[in-house]
Amino acid sequence: AVRLSFRETWTVMVQTVQGAGKLFTSVLLQG
């Protein structure tokens, strides 16, 4: 369960960082 939780945290945090990057570039470039 701990192993799965660490994999889940990695998945969610990567998705969050990618989402933040998409938000910044989309608002800046496409409004």
PDB file of all heavy atoms in Angstrom:
ATOM      1  N   ALA A   1       0.834  -1.210   0.000  1.00  0.00           N
ATOM      2  CA  ALA A   1       0.000   0.000   0.000  1.00  0.00           C
ATOM      3  C   ALA A   1       0.866   1.257   0.000  1.00  0.00           C
ATOM      4  O   ALA A   1       0.555   2.229  -0.703  1.00  0.00           O
ATOM      5  CB  ALA A   1      -0.922  -0.009   1.220  1.00  0.00           C
ATOM      6  N   VAL A   2       1.952   1.241   0.761  1.00  0.00           N
ATOM      7  CA  VAL A   2       2.861   2.390   0.776  1.00  0.00           C
ATOM      8  C   VAL A   2       3.513   2.563  -0.591  1.00  0.00           C
ATOM      9  O   VAL A   2       3.657   3.688  -1.094  1.00  0.00           O
ATOM     10  CB  VAL A   2       3.924   2.229   1.888  1.00  0.00           C
ATOM     11  CG1 VAL A   2       4.996   3.305   1.767  1.00  0.00           C
ATOM     12  CG2 VAL A   2       3.264   2.283   3.263  1.00  0.00           C
ATOM     13  N   ARG A   3       3.910   1.435  -1.204  1.00  0.00           N
ATOM     14  CA  ARG A   3       4.507   1.518  -2.549  1.00  0.00           C
ATOM     15  C   ARG A   3       3.524   2.140  -3.540  1.00  0.00           C
ATOM     16  O   ARG A   3       3.890   3.013  -4.330  1.00  0.00           O
ATOM     17  CB  ARG A   3       4.912   0.124  -3.029  1.00  0.00           C
ATOM     18  CG  ARG A   3       5.632   0.136  -4.389  1.00  0.00           C
ATOM     19  CD  ARG A   3       5.797  -1.261  -4.951  1.00  0.00           C
ATOM     20  NE  ARG A   3       4.533  -1.818  -5.406  1.00  0.00           N
ATOM     21  CZ  ARG A   3       3.977  -1.543  -6.593  1.00  0.00           C
ATOM     22  NH1 ARG A   3       4.553  -0.677  -7.416  1.00  0.00           N
ATOM     23  NH2 ARG A   3       2.840  -2.105  -6.931  1.00  0.00           N
ATOM     24  N   LEU A   4       2.272   1.700  -3.492  1.00  0.00           N
ATOM     25  CA  LEU A   4       1.263   2.244  -4.388  1.00  0.00           C
ATOM     26  C   LEU A   4       1.019   3.729  -4.106  1.00  0.00           C
ATOM     27  O   LEU A   4       0.791   4.516  -5.034  1.00  0.00           O
ATOM     28  CB  LEU A   4      -0.045   1.464  -4.241  1.00  0.00           C
ATOM     29  CG  LEU A   4      -0.069   0.056  -4.844  1.00  0.00           C
ATOM     30  CD1 LEU A   4      -1.366  -0.657  -4.472  1.00  0.00           C
ATOM     31  CD2 LEU A   4       0.085   0.112  -6.361  1.00  0.00           C
ATOM     32  N   SER A   5       1.070   4.110  -2.826  1.00  0.00           N
ATOM     33  CA  SER A   5       0.836   5.518  -2.484  1.00  0.00           C
ATOM     34  C   SER A   5       1.950   6.400  -3.033  1.00  0.00           C
ATOM     35  O   SER A   5       1.693   7.513  -3.509  1.00  0.00           O
ATOM     36  CB  SER A   5       0.712   5.691  -0.968  1.00  0.00           C
ATOM     37  OG  SER A   5       1.960   5.545  -0.323  1.00  0.00           O
ATOM     38  N   PHE A   6       3.190   5.913  -3.002  1.00  0.00           N
ATOM     39  CA  PHE A   6       4.299   6.696  -3.549  1.00  0.00           C
ATOM     40  C   PHE A   6       4.170   6.818  -5.069  1.00  0.00           C
ATOM     41  O   PHE A   6       4.452   7.878  -5.635  1.00  0.00           O
ATOM     42  CB  PHE A   6       5.644   6.069  -3.171  1.00  0.00           C
ATOM     43  CG  PHE A   6       6.172   6.534  -1.851  1.00  0.00           C
ATOM     44  CD1 PHE A   6       5.843   5.875  -0.682  1.00  0.00           C
ATOM     45  CD2 PHE A   6       6.989   7.645  -1.768  1.00  0.00           C
ATOM     46  CE1 PHE A   6       6.315   6.313   0.548  1.00  0.00           C
ATOM     47  CE2 PHE A   6       7.472   8.096  -0.548  1.00  0.00           C
ATOM     48  CZ  PHE A   6       7.141   7.426   0.615  1.00  0.00           C
ATOM     49  N   ARG A   7       3.743   5.750  -5.713  1.00  0.00           N
ATOM     50  CA  ARG A   7       3.539   5.842  -7.160  1.00  0.00           C
ATOM     51  C   ARG A   7       2.398   6.795  -7.488  1.00  0.00           C
ATOM     52  O   ARG A   7       2.465   7.562  -8.451  1.00  0.00           O
ATOM     53  CB  ARG A   7       3.243   4.461  -7.748  1.00  0.00           C
ATOM     54  CG  ARG A   7       3.452   4.414  -9.269  1.00  0.00           C
ATOM     55  CD  ARG A   7       2.961   3.131  -9.863  1.00  0.00           C
ATOM     56  NE  ARG A   7       1.502   3.066  -9.830  1.00  0.00           N
ATOM     57  CZ  ARG A   7       0.805   2.000 -10.191  1.00  0.00           C
ATOM     58  NH1 ARG A   7       1.427   0.912 -10.556  1.00  0.00           N
ATOM     59  NH2 ARG A   7      -0.505   2.017 -10.146  1.00  0.00           N
ATOM     60  N   GLU A   8       1.346   6.756  -6.667  1.00  0.00           N
ATOM     61  CA  GLU A   8       0.210   7.658  -6.863  1.00  0.00           C
ATOM     62  C   GLU A   8       0.627   9.115  -6.672  1.00  0.00           C
ATOM     63  O   GLU A   8       0.218   9.990  -7.441  1.00  0.00           O
ATOM     64  CB  GLU A   8      -0.909   7.300  -5.879  1.00  0.00           C
ATOM     65  CG  GLU A   8      -2.196   8.053  -6.097  1.00  0.00           C
ATOM     66  CD  GLU A   8      -3.041   7.458  -7.203  1.00  0.00           C
ATOM     67  OE1 GLU A   8      -2.612   6.479  -7.843  1.00  0.00           O
ATOM     68  OE2 GLU A   8      -4.135   7.991  -7.439  1.00  0.00           O
ATOM     69  N   THR A   9       1.437   9.376  -5.648  1.00  0.00           N
ATOM     70  CA  THR A   9       1.888  10.749  -5.414  1.00  0.00           C
ATOM     71  C   THR A   9       2.703  11.267  -6.590  1.00  0.00           C
ATOM     72  O   THR A   9       2.552  12.420  -7.012  1.00  0.00           O
ATOM     73  CB  THR A   9       2.730  10.851  -4.130  1.00  0.00           C
ATOM     74  OG1 THR A   9       3.840   9.954  -4.205  1.00  0.00           O
ATOM     75  CG2 THR A   9       1.912  10.514  -2.912  1.00  0.00           C
ATOM     76  N   TRP A  10       3.552  10.421  -7.143  1.00  0.00           N
ATOM     77  CA  TRP A  10       4.358  10.823  -8.299  1.00  0.00           C
ATOM     78  C   TRP A  10       3.455  11.149  -9.484  1.00  0.00           C
ATOM     79  O   TRP A  10       3.620  12.185 -10.146  1.00  0.00           O
ATOM     80  CB  TRP A  10       5.349   9.729  -8.663  1.00  0.00           C
ATOM     81  CG  TRP A  10       6.114  10.011  -9.930  1.00  0.00           C
ATOM     82  CD1 TRP A  10       5.932   9.444 -11.159  1.00  0.00           C
ATOM     83  CD2 TRP A  10       7.180  10.941 -10.082  1.00  0.00           C
ATOM     84  NE1 TRP A  10       6.811   9.966 -12.073  1.00  0.00           N
ATOM     85  CE2 TRP A  10       7.595  10.891 -11.439  1.00  0.00           C
ATOM     86  CE3 TRP A  10       7.823  11.829  -9.216  1.00  0.00           C
ATOM     87  CZ2 TRP A  10       8.624  11.688 -11.942  1.00  0.00           C
ATOM     88  CZ3 TRP A  10       8.853  12.631  -9.726  1.00  0.00           C
ATOM     89  CH2 TRP A  10       9.229  12.549 -11.066  1.00  0.00           C
ATOM     90  N   THR A  11       2.476  10.290  -9.747  1.00  0.00           N
ATOM     91  CA  THR A  11       1.556  10.504 -10.868  1.00  0.00           C
ATOM     92  C   THR A  11       0.800  11.816 -10.709  1.00  0.00           C
ATOM     93  O   THR A  11       0.724  12.622 -11.649  1.00  0.00           O
ATOM     94  CB  THR A  11       0.550   9.345 -10.975  1.00  0.00           C
ATOM     95  OG1 THR A  11       1.259   8.119 -11.190  1.00  0.00           O
ATOM     96  CG2 THR A  11      -0.423   9.565 -12.127  1.00  0.00           C
ATOM     97  N   VAL A  12       0.247  12.050  -9.524  1.00  0.00           N
ATOM     98  CA  VAL A  12      -0.569  13.248  -9.293  1.00  0.00           C
ATOM     99  C   VAL A  12       0.286  14.507  -9.353  1.00  0.00           C
ATOM    100  O   VAL A  12      -0.108  15.512  -9.958  1.00  0.00           O
ATOM    101  CB  VAL A  12      -1.290  13.152  -7.935  1.00  0.00           C
ATOM    102  CG1 VAL A  12      -1.989  14.470  -7.600  1.00  0.00           C
ATOM    103  CG2 VAL A  12      -2.292  12.012  -7.946  1.00  0.00           C
ATOM    104  N   MET A  13       1.477  14.469  -8.763  1.00  0.00           N
ATOM    105  CA  MET A  13       2.321  15.658  -8.741  1.00  0.00           C
ATOM    106  C   MET A  13       2.834  16.009 -10.135  1.00  0.00           C
ATOM    107  O   MET A  13       2.901  17.186 -10.503  1.00  0.00           O
ATOM    108  CB  MET A  13       3.473  15.475  -7.749  1.00  0.00           C
ATOM    109  CG  MET A  13       2.993  15.400  -6.306  1.00  0.00           C
ATOM    110  SD  MET A  13       4.300  15.200  -5.075  1.00  0.00           S
ATOM    111  CE  MET A  13       4.977  16.861  -5.001  1.00  0.00           C
ATOM    112  N   VAL A  14       3.174  15.004 -10.930  1.00  0.00           N
ATOM    113  CA  VAL A  14       3.594  15.268 -12.314  1.00  0.00           C
ATOM    114  C   VAL A  14       2.447  15.879 -13.104  1.00  0.00           C
ATOM    115  O   VAL A  14       2.626  16.845 -13.860  1.00  0.00           O
ATOM    116  CB  VAL A  14       4.086  13.964 -12.990  1.00  0.00           C
ATOM    117  CG1 VAL A  14       4.227  14.161 -14.499  1.00  0.00           C
ATOM    118  CG2 VAL A  14       5.425  13.533 -12.395  1.00  0.00           C
ATOM    119  N   GLN A  15       1.239  15.325 -12.939  1.00  0.00           N
ATOM    120  CA  GLN A  15       0.073  15.870 -13.627  1.00  0.00           C
ATOM    121  C   GLN A  15      -0.201  17.310 -13.190  1.00  0.00           C
ATOM    122  O   GLN A  15      -0.585  18.150 -14.009  1.00  0.00           O
ATOM    123  CB  GLN A  15      -1.158  15.000 -13.338  1.00  0.00           C
ATOM    124  CG  GLN A  15      -1.103  13.609 -13.955  1.00  0.00           C
ATOM    125  CD  GLN A  15      -1.198  13.654 -15.478  1.00  0.00           C
ATOM    126  OE1 GLN A  15      -2.142  14.182 -16.035  1.00  0.00           O
ATOM    127  NE2 GLN A  15      -0.202  13.110 -16.136  1.00  0.00           N
ATOM    128  N   THR A  16       0.001  17.599 -11.904  1.00  0.00           N
ATOM    129  CA  THR A  16      -0.225  18.953 -11.398  1.00  0.00           C
ATOM    130  C   THR A  16       0.765  19.938 -12.004  1.00  0.00           C
ATOM    131  O   THR A  16       0.385  21.031 -12.441  1.00  0.00           O
ATOM    132  CB  THR A  16      -0.098  18.980  -9.862  1.00  0.00           C
ATOM    133  OG1 THR A  16      -1.069  18.098  -9.287  1.00  0.00           O
ATOM    134  CG2 THR A  16      -0.315  20.383  -9.324  1.00  0.00           C
ATOM    135  N   VAL A  17       2.029  19.564 -12.050  1.00  0.00           N
ATOM    136  CA  VAL A  17       3.053  20.444 -12.618  1.00  0.00           C
ATOM    137  C   VAL A  17       2.802  20.663 -14.113  1.00  0.00           C
ATOM    138  O   VAL A  17       2.902  21.794 -14.609  1.00  0.00           O
ATOM    139  CB  VAL A  17       4.462  19.855 -12.382  1.00  0.00           C
ATOM    140  CG1 VAL A  17       5.513  20.649 -13.141  1.00  0.00           C
ATOM    141  CG2 VAL A  17       4.791  19.842 -10.891  1.00  0.00           C
ATOM    142  N   GLN A  18       2.446  19.607 -14.816  1.00  0.00           N
ATOM    143  CA  GLN A  18       2.132  19.748 -16.241  1.00  0.00           C
ATOM    144  C   GLN A  18       0.917  20.653 -16.437  1.00  0.00           C
ATOM    145  O   GLN A  18       0.887  21.480 -17.353  1.00  0.00           O
ATOM    146  CB  GLN A  18       1.884  18.380 -16.862  1.00  0.00           C
ATOM    147  CG  GLN A  18       3.138  17.527 -16.977  1.00  0.00           C
ATOM    148  CD  GLN A  18       2.844  16.132 -17.510  1.00  0.00           C
ATOM    149  OE1 GLN A  18       1.698  15.685 -17.556  1.00  0.00           O
ATOM    150  NE2 GLN A  18       3.894  15.427 -17.923  1.00  0.00           N
ATOM    151  N   GLY A  19      -0.089  20.502 -15.564  1.00  0.00           N
ATOM    152  CA  GLY A  19      -1.272  21.351 -15.645  1.00  0.00           C
ATOM    153  C   GLY A  19      -0.946  22.811 -15.393  1.00  0.00           C
ATOM    154  O   GLY A  19      -1.479  23.700 -16.071  1.00  0.00           O
ATOM    155  N   ALA A  20      -0.053  23.077 -14.424  1.00  0.00           N
ATOM    156  CA  ALA A  20       0.356  24.451 -14.140  1.00  0.00           C
ATOM    157  C   ALA A  20       1.076  25.058 -15.340  1.00  0.00           C
ATOM    158  O   ALA A  20       0.863  26.229 -15.685  1.00  0.00           O
ATOM    159  CB  ALA A  20       1.255  24.487 -12.904  1.00  0.00           C
ATOM    160  N   GLY A  21       1.913  24.249 -15.992  1.00  0.00           N
ATOM    161  CA  GLY A  21       2.610  24.725 -17.189  1.00  0.00           C
ATOM    162  C   GLY A  21       1.636  25.036 -18.319  1.00  0.00           C
ATOM    163  O   GLY A  21       1.760  26.072 -19.001  1.00  0.00           O
ATOM    164  N   LYS A  22       0.645  24.159 -18.514  1.00  0.00           N
ATOM    165  CA  LYS A  22      -0.360  24.386 -19.553  1.00  0.00           C
ATOM    166  C   LYS A  22      -1.177  25.637 -19.256  1.00  0.00           C
ATOM    167  O   LYS A  22      -1.505  26.414 -20.159  1.00  0.00           O
ATOM    168  CB  LYS A  22      -1.285  23.168 -19.656  1.00  0.00           C
ATOM    169  CG  LYS A  22      -0.647  21.938 -20.273  1.00  0.00           C
ATOM    170  CD  LYS A  22      -1.635  20.780 -20.303  1.00  0.00           C
ATOM    171  CE  LYS A  22      -0.992  19.511 -20.852  1.00  0.00           C
ATOM    172  NZ  LYS A  22      -1.937  18.364 -20.815  1.00  0.00           N
ATOM    173  N   LEU A  23      -1.522  25.839 -17.979  1.00  0.00           N
ATOM    174  CA  LEU A  23      -2.299  27.010 -17.596  1.00  0.00           C
ATOM    175  C   LEU A  23      -1.528  28.290 -17.909  1.00  0.00           C
ATOM    176  O   LEU A  23      -2.072  29.219 -18.529  1.00  0.00           O
ATOM    177  CB  LEU A  23      -2.623  26.956 -16.101  1.00  0.00           C
ATOM    178  CG  LEU A  23      -3.265  28.218 -15.504  1.00  0.00           C
ATOM    179  CD1 LEU A  23      -4.609  28.497 -16.144  1.00  0.00           C
ATOM    180  CD2 LEU A  23      -3.388  28.086 -13.992  1.00  0.00           C
ATOM    181  N   PHE A  24      -0.276  28.338 -17.511  1.00  0.00           N
ATOM    182  CA  PHE A  24       0.524  29.546 -17.701  1.00  0.00           C
ATOM    183  C   PHE A  24       0.685  29.862 -19.186  1.00  0.00           C
ATOM    184  O   PHE A  24       0.470  30.998 -19.624  1.00  0.00           O
ATOM    185  CB  PHE A  24       1.890  29.367 -17.036  1.00  0.00           C
ATOM    186  CG  PHE A  24       2.708  30.614 -17.000  1.00  0.00           C
ATOM    187  CD1 PHE A  24       2.508  31.569 -16.006  1.00  0.00           C
ATOM    188  CD2 PHE A  24       3.680  30.851 -17.955  1.00  0.00           C
ATOM    189  CE1 PHE A  24       3.262  32.732 -15.973  1.00  0.00           C
ATOM    190  CE2 PHE A  24       4.441  32.015 -17.938  1.00  0.00           C
ATOM    191  CZ  PHE A  24       4.233  32.958 -16.941  1.00  0.00           C
ATOM    192  N   THR A  25       1.072  28.871 -19.975  1.00  0.00           N
ATOM    193  CA  THR A  25       1.308  29.108 -21.400  1.00  0.00           C
ATOM    194  C   THR A  25       0.016  29.401 -22.151  1.00  0.00           C
ATOM    195  O   THR A  25      -0.013  30.237 -23.051  1.00  0.00           O
ATOM    196  CB  THR A  25       2.014  27.903 -22.041  1.00  0.00           C
ATOM    197  OG1 THR A  25       1.246  26.708 -21.796  1.00  0.00           O
ATOM    198  CG2 THR A  25       3.408  27.721 -21.467  1.00  0.00           C
ATOM    199  N   SER A  26      -1.075  28.728 -21.761  1.00  0.00           N
ATOM    200  CA  SER A  26      -2.342  28.938 -22.457  1.00  0.00           C
ATOM    201  C   SER A  26      -2.896  30.336 -22.180  1.00  0.00           C
ATOM    202  O   SER A  26      -3.370  31.020 -23.101  1.00  0.00           O
ATOM    203  CB  SER A  26      -3.361  27.879 -22.030  1.00  0.00           C
ATOM    204  OG  SER A  26      -4.587  28.039 -22.710  1.00  0.00           O
ATOM    205  N   VAL A  27      -2.844  30.763 -20.907  1.00  0.00           N
ATOM    206  CA  VAL A  27      -3.329  32.103 -20.573  1.00  0.00           C
ATOM    207  C   VAL A  27      -2.450  33.167 -21.221  1.00  0.00           C
ATOM    208  O   VAL A  27      -2.935  34.174 -21.741  1.00  0.00           O
ATOM    209  CB  VAL A  27      -3.375  32.290 -19.039  1.00  0.00           C
ATOM    210  CG1 VAL A  27      -3.643  33.748 -18.686  1.00  0.00           C
ATOM    211  CG2 VAL A  27      -4.451  31.401 -18.434  1.00  0.00           C
ATOM    212  N   LEU A  28      -1.137  32.934 -21.213  1.00  0.00           N
ATOM    213  CA  LEU A  28      -0.193  33.923 -21.754  1.00  0.00           C
ATOM    214  C   LEU A  28      -0.277  34.023 -23.274  1.00  0.00           C
ATOM    215  O   LEU A  28      -0.273  35.126 -23.839  1.00  0.00           O
ATOM    216  CB  LEU A  28       1.229  33.561 -21.326  1.00  0.00           C
ATOM    217  CG  LEU A  28       2.332  34.568 -21.669  1.00  0.00           C
ATOM    218  CD1 LEU A  28       2.115  35.865 -20.897  1.00  0.00           C
ATOM    219  CD2 LEU A  28       3.701  33.985 -21.347  1.00  0.00           C
ATOM    220  N   LEU A  29      -0.358  32.869 -23.940  1.00  0.00           N
ATOM    221  CA  LEU A  29      -0.290  32.863 -25.405  1.00  0.00           C
ATOM    222  C   LEU A  29      -1.655  32.902 -26.077  1.00  0.00           C
ATOM    223  O   LEU A  29      -1.796  33.461 -27.174  1.00  0.00           O
ATOM    224  CB  LEU A  29       0.483  31.620 -25.886  1.00  0.00           C
ATOM    225  CG  LEU A  29       1.925  31.486 -25.380  1.00  0.00           C
ATOM    226  CD1 LEU A  29       2.546  30.193 -25.880  1.00  0.00           C
ATOM    227  CD2 LEU A  29       2.762  32.693 -25.814  1.00  0.00           C
ATOM    228  N   GLN A  30      -2.671  32.292 -25.436  1.00  0.00           N
ATOM    229  CA  GLN A  30      -3.981  32.189 -26.079  1.00  0.00           C
ATOM    230  C   GLN A  30      -5.081  32.948 -25.336  1.00  0.00           C
ATOM    231  O   GLN A  30      -6.186  33.106 -25.857  1.00  0.00           O
ATOM    232  CB  GLN A  30      -4.381  30.713 -26.201  1.00  0.00           C
ATOM    233  CG  GLN A  30      -3.381  29.886 -27.007  1.00  0.00           C
ATOM    234  CD  GLN A  30      -3.730  28.402 -26.998  1.00  0.00           C
ATOM    235  OE1 GLN A  30      -4.831  28.012 -26.623  1.00  0.00           O
ATOM    236  NE2 GLN A  30      -2.784  27.577 -27.419  1.00  0.00           N
ATOM    237  N   GLY A  31      -4.790  33.403 -24.121  1.00  0.00           N
ATOM    238  CA  GLY A  31      -5.766  34.163 -23.370  1.00  0.00           C
ATOM    239  C   GLY A  31      -6.942  33.354 -22.871  1.00  0.00           C
ATOM    240  O   GLY A  31      -8.032  33.903 -22.660  1.00  0.00           O
TER     241      GLY A  31
END
